[in-house]
N, C-alpha and C. Protein backbone atom coordinates (compact mmCIF):
# COMPACT_ATOMS: atom_id res chain seq x y z
N MET A 1 0.56 -1.20 0.27
CA MET A 1 -0.26 -0.22 0.29
C MET A 1 1.15 0.85 0.13
N VAL A 2 0.41 2.29 -0.07
CA VAL A 2 1.62 3.74 -1.01
C VAL A 2 0.64 5.08 -0.69
N SER A 3 1.47 5.00 0.22
CA SER A 3 0.82 6.13 1.67
C SER A 3 0.31 7.27 0.97
N LEU A 4 -0.59 8.94 1.13
CA LEU A 4 -0.86 9.67 0.13
C LEU A 4 0.43 10.34 -0.32
N PHE A 5 1.27 10.88 0.61
CA PHE A 5 2.27 11.86 0.39
C PHE A 5 3.08 10.34 -0.88
N ARG A 6 3.21 9.68 -0.65
CA ARG A 6 4.67 8.69 -1.34
C ARG A 6 3.28 8.40 -2.55
N PHE A 7 2.24 8.59 -2.64
CA PHE A 7 1.66 8.70 -4.15
C PHE A 7 1.88 9.80 -4.44
N LEU A 8 1.85 11.46 -4.44
CA LEU A 8 1.52 12.10 -4.84
C LEU A 8 3.72 12.47 -5.86
N ASP A 9 4.05 12.17 -4.72
CA ASP A 9 5.67 12.45 -5.66
C ASP A 9 5.90 11.22 -6.97
N LEU A 10 4.61 10.36 -6.84
CA LEU A 10 4.90 9.42 -8.56
C LEU A 10 4.90 10.52 -9.28
N ASP A 11 5.46 10.12 -11.45
CA ASP A 11 5.23 10.77 -12.17
C ASP A 11 3.68 10.01 -12.28
N ILE A 12 2.65 10.41 -13.40
CA ILE A 12 1.66 10.23 -13.59
C ILE A 12 0.89 8.70 -15.05
N ASN A 13 2.20 8.68 -15.37
CA ASN A 13 2.02 7.44 -15.13
C ASN A 13 2.58 6.33 -14.19
N GLU A 14 3.20 6.46 -13.38
CA GLU A 14 2.96 5.14 -11.62
C GLU A 14 1.85 5.64 -11.09
N LYS A 15 1.28 6.82 -10.88
CA LYS A 15 0.28 7.30 -10.25
C LYS A 15 -0.65 6.20 -11.24
N ALA A 16 -1.09 5.92 -12.15
CA ALA A 16 -1.77 5.34 -13.14
C ALA A 16 -2.02 3.77 -13.08
N ASN A 17 -0.94 3.82 -12.99
CA ASN A 17 -0.44 2.14 -12.29
C ASN A 17 -1.29 1.72 -11.31
N TYR A 18 -0.42 2.46 -10.59
CA TYR A 18 -1.44 2.06 -8.80
C TYR A 18 -2.62 2.28 -8.99
N VAL A 19 -3.42 3.87 -9.53
CA VAL A 19 -5.46 3.85 -9.76
C VAL A 19 -5.93 2.36 -9.87
N TRP A 20 -5.34 1.88 -11.53
CA TRP A 20 -5.92 0.74 -11.42
C TRP A 20 -6.29 -0.80 -11.06
N GLN A 21 -5.01 -0.12 -9.34
CA GLN A 21 -5.66 -1.31 -8.54
C GLN A 21 -7.00 -1.00 -7.90
N GLY A 22 -7.11 0.42 -7.51
CA GLY A 22 -7.49 1.14 -6.70
C GLY A 22 -9.57 -0.06 -6.98
N THR A 23 -10.52 0.84 -6.47
CA THR A 23 -11.08 0.83 -7.02
C THR A 23 -12.28 1.92 -7.11
N TYR A 24 -13.05 1.74 -8.19
CA TYR A 24 -13.62 2.85 -9.43
C TYR A 24 -14.84 3.19 -9.26
N ILE A 25 -15.10 4.24 -8.12
CA ILE A 25 -16.32 4.70 -7.96
C ILE A 25 -17.01 5.41 -8.46
N ALA A 26 -17.47 6.76 -10.22
CA ALA A 26 -18.48 6.88 -10.03
C ALA A 26 -17.04 8.52 -11.60
N THR A 27 -17.78 8.62 -12.75
CA THR A 27 -17.38 9.57 -13.57
C THR A 27 -18.14 10.71 -13.74
N ARG A 28 -17.43 12.29 -13.61
CA ARG A 28 -18.59 13.10 -13.86
C ARG A 28 -17.78 13.89 -14.45
N THR A 29 -18.64 14.91 -15.69
CA THR A 29 -17.72 15.40 -17.10
C THR A 29 -17.69 16.29 -16.76
N GLU A 30 -16.93 17.54 -17.48
CA GLU A 30 -16.92 19.00 -16.85
C GLU A 30 -16.27 19.35 -18.29
N THR A 31 -17.10 19.69 -19.05
CA THR A 31 -17.25 20.37 -20.54
C THR A 31 -16.66 18.99 -21.19
N ASP A 32 -15.03 18.94 -22.11
CA ASP A 32 -14.07 17.88 -22.98
C ASP A 32 -13.60 16.65 -21.55
N LYS A 33 -13.40 17.27 -21.44
CA LYS A 33 -13.39 16.69 -19.27
C LYS A 33 -14.21 15.42 -19.32
N ARG A 34 -12.93 13.88 -18.72
CA ARG A 34 -14.33 13.44 -17.78
C ARG A 34 -13.08 13.33 -16.57
N ILE A 35 -13.63 12.97 -15.15
CA ILE A 35 -12.79 12.96 -13.90
C ILE A 35 -13.66 11.77 -13.72
N LEU A 36 -12.81 11.04 -13.13
CA LEU A 36 -12.71 9.39 -12.42
C LEU A 36 -12.26 9.81 -11.23
N LEU A 37 -12.96 9.03 -10.27
CA LEU A 37 -13.01 8.69 -9.05
C LEU A 37 -12.83 7.49 -8.50
N TYR A 38 -11.58 7.42 -7.89
CA TYR A 38 -11.18 5.71 -6.96
C TYR A 38 -11.00 5.43 -5.84
N ASN A 39 -11.53 4.89 -5.07
CA ASN A 39 -10.65 5.17 -3.46
C ASN A 39 -9.93 4.11 -3.94
N LEU A 40 -8.24 4.00 -2.67
CA LEU A 40 -7.41 3.66 -3.18
C LEU A 40 -6.68 3.40 -1.44
N GLY A 41 -7.84 3.09 -0.89
CA GLY A 41 -7.88 2.42 0.19
C GLY A 41 -8.15 3.60 1.52
N GLU A 42 -6.82 3.72 1.64
CA GLU A 42 -6.25 4.87 2.61
C GLU A 42 -7.01 6.99 2.35
N PHE A 43 -6.48 6.23 1.38
CA PHE A 43 -7.59 8.39 0.04
C PHE A 43 -7.33 8.15 -0.75
N TYR A 44 -9.10 8.51 -1.98
CA TYR A 44 -8.66 8.94 -2.68
C TYR A 44 -7.74 9.42 -4.31
N ALA A 45 -8.46 8.69 -5.55
CA ALA A 45 -7.78 10.15 -6.25
C ALA A 45 -8.38 9.98 -7.71
N GLU A 46 -8.48 10.77 -7.85
CA GLU A 46 -9.10 11.80 -9.48
C GLU A 46 -7.81 11.73 -10.55
N VAL A 47 -8.64 11.12 -11.93
CA VAL A 47 -8.15 10.79 -12.71
C VAL A 47 -8.73 11.53 -13.81
N VAL A 48 -8.38 12.73 -14.31
CA VAL A 48 -8.62 13.81 -15.73
C VAL A 48 -8.44 13.37 -16.51
N TYR A 49 -9.33 13.01 -17.63
CA TYR A 49 -8.57 12.41 -19.03
C TYR A 49 -9.91 13.55 -19.84
N ASP A 50 -9.06 13.95 -20.82
CA ASP A 50 -9.22 14.59 -22.07
C ASP A 50 -9.60 13.78 -23.01
N ALA A 51 -10.68 13.91 -22.96
CA ALA A 51 -11.87 13.22 -23.98
C ALA A 51 -11.59 13.75 -25.37
N LEU A 52 -11.15 15.18 -26.05
CA LEU A 52 -10.45 15.60 -27.20
C LEU A 52 -9.93 14.05 -27.78
N ASN A 53 -8.38 14.78 -26.88
CA ASN A 53 -7.40 14.51 -26.81
C ASN A 53 -6.53 12.74 -26.75
N ASN A 54 -7.97 12.03 -26.25
CA ASN A 54 -7.69 10.46 -25.42
C ASN A 54 -6.61 10.18 -24.74
N GLU A 55 -6.42 10.85 -23.78
CA GLU A 55 -5.00 10.98 -23.51
C GLU A 55 -5.75 11.18 -20.98
N ILE A 56 -4.42 11.20 -20.95
CA ILE A 56 -5.07 11.11 -18.71
C ILE A 56 -4.18 12.73 -18.79
N THR A 57 -4.40 13.59 -18.72
CA THR A 57 -3.73 15.23 -18.01
C THR A 57 -3.42 15.33 -16.69
N TYR A 58 -4.35 14.53 -15.94
CA TYR A 58 -3.53 14.87 -14.97
C TYR A 58 -4.20 13.75 -13.37
N ILE A 59 -3.56 13.37 -12.69
CA ILE A 59 -4.01 12.79 -11.94
C ILE A 59 -4.36 13.33 -9.31
N LYS A 60 -5.19 13.92 -9.26
CA LYS A 60 -4.80 14.28 -7.91
C LYS A 60 -5.14 12.80 -6.67
N GLY A 61 -4.23 12.78 -5.74
CA GLY A 61 -4.21 11.92 -4.70
C GLY A 61 -5.01 12.99 -3.81
N PHE A 62 -6.29 12.69 -2.95
CA PHE A 62 -6.63 13.82 -1.48
C PHE A 62 -7.14 12.80 -0.72
N ARG A 63 -7.22 12.47 0.83
CA ARG A 63 -8.17 13.08 1.72
C ARG A 63 -9.57 13.83 2.03
N ALA A 64 -8.78 15.08 1.42
CA ALA A 64 -10.48 15.68 1.96
C ALA A 64 -11.70 15.60 1.96
N ASN A 65 -12.84 16.10 2.68
CA ASN A 65 -13.96 14.49 2.49
C ASN A 65 -14.23 16.06 1.22
N SER A 66 -14.56 17.66 1.16
CA SER A 66 -14.47 18.63 0.13
C SER A 66 -14.27 18.46 -0.78
N HIS A 67 -13.59 17.18 -1.92
CA HIS A 67 -13.37 17.36 -2.32
C HIS A 67 -14.05 16.15 -3.26
N LEU A 68 -15.44 15.37 -2.64
CA LEU A 68 -16.05 14.15 -2.77
C LEU A 68 -17.47 15.41 -3.52
N VAL A 69 -17.56 16.51 -2.87
CA VAL A 69 -18.62 17.35 -2.88
C VAL A 69 -19.15 17.50 -4.90
N PRO A 70 -17.80 17.35 -5.76
CA PRO A 70 -18.60 16.80 -6.32
C PRO A 70 -19.93 15.78 -7.00
N TYR A 71 -19.11 14.40 -6.68
CA TYR A 71 -20.01 13.45 -6.29
C TYR A 71 -20.99 12.69 -5.69
N MET A 72 -21.30 13.67 -4.88
CA MET A 72 -22.48 13.90 -4.01
C MET A 72 -23.63 12.97 -4.70
N ASN A 73 -23.70 13.93 -5.78
CA ASN A 73 -25.58 13.40 -6.28
C ASN A 73 -25.79 12.40 -7.13
N LEU A 74 -23.93 11.51 -7.51
CA LEU A 74 -23.85 10.61 -8.05
C LEU A 74 -24.19 8.88 -7.77
N LEU A 75 -23.90 9.18 -6.03
CA LEU A 75 -23.72 8.17 -5.08
C LEU A 75 -24.35 8.06 -4.15
N PRO A 76 -25.01 7.13 -3.67
CA PRO A 76 -25.70 6.55 -1.87
C PRO A 76 -23.84 7.18 -1.44
N TYR A 77 -25.00 8.19 -0.04
CA TYR A 77 -23.68 8.64 1.54
C TYR A 77 -23.00 7.76 1.11
N ASP A 78 -23.58 5.79 1.26
CA ASP A 78 -22.69 5.85 2.10
C ASP A 78 -21.66 5.08 1.77
N SER A 79 -21.49 5.40 0.18
CA SER A 79 -20.49 4.24 -0.78
C SER A 79 -19.40 5.68 -0.26
N LEU A 80 -19.32 6.58 0.17
CA LEU A 80 -18.25 7.17 0.11
C LEU A 80 -17.07 7.15 1.39
N SER A 81 -16.52 6.34 1.95
CA SER A 81 -16.80 6.39 3.28
C SER A 81 -15.26 5.28 2.93
N LEU A 82 -14.03 6.39 3.59
CA LEU A 82 -12.55 5.76 3.45
C LEU A 82 -12.63 4.63 4.49
């Protein structure tokens, strides 16, 4: 298990490889981006996918519940607990 702090130091390819081992939770859409949420055990990760260019542009790890607000209307409340 990788800690959040170690995860944040990984490059985007290493982050992607680690994220795929987590549990997919939801996808939200913003303009031409899809943002996928994963549970990685002790923290969450968002994968930002640029649909126009067919590439992952950013992966963010976090613990703060405030980052889950955009997903609240997509899931039952009890599915967003670490």
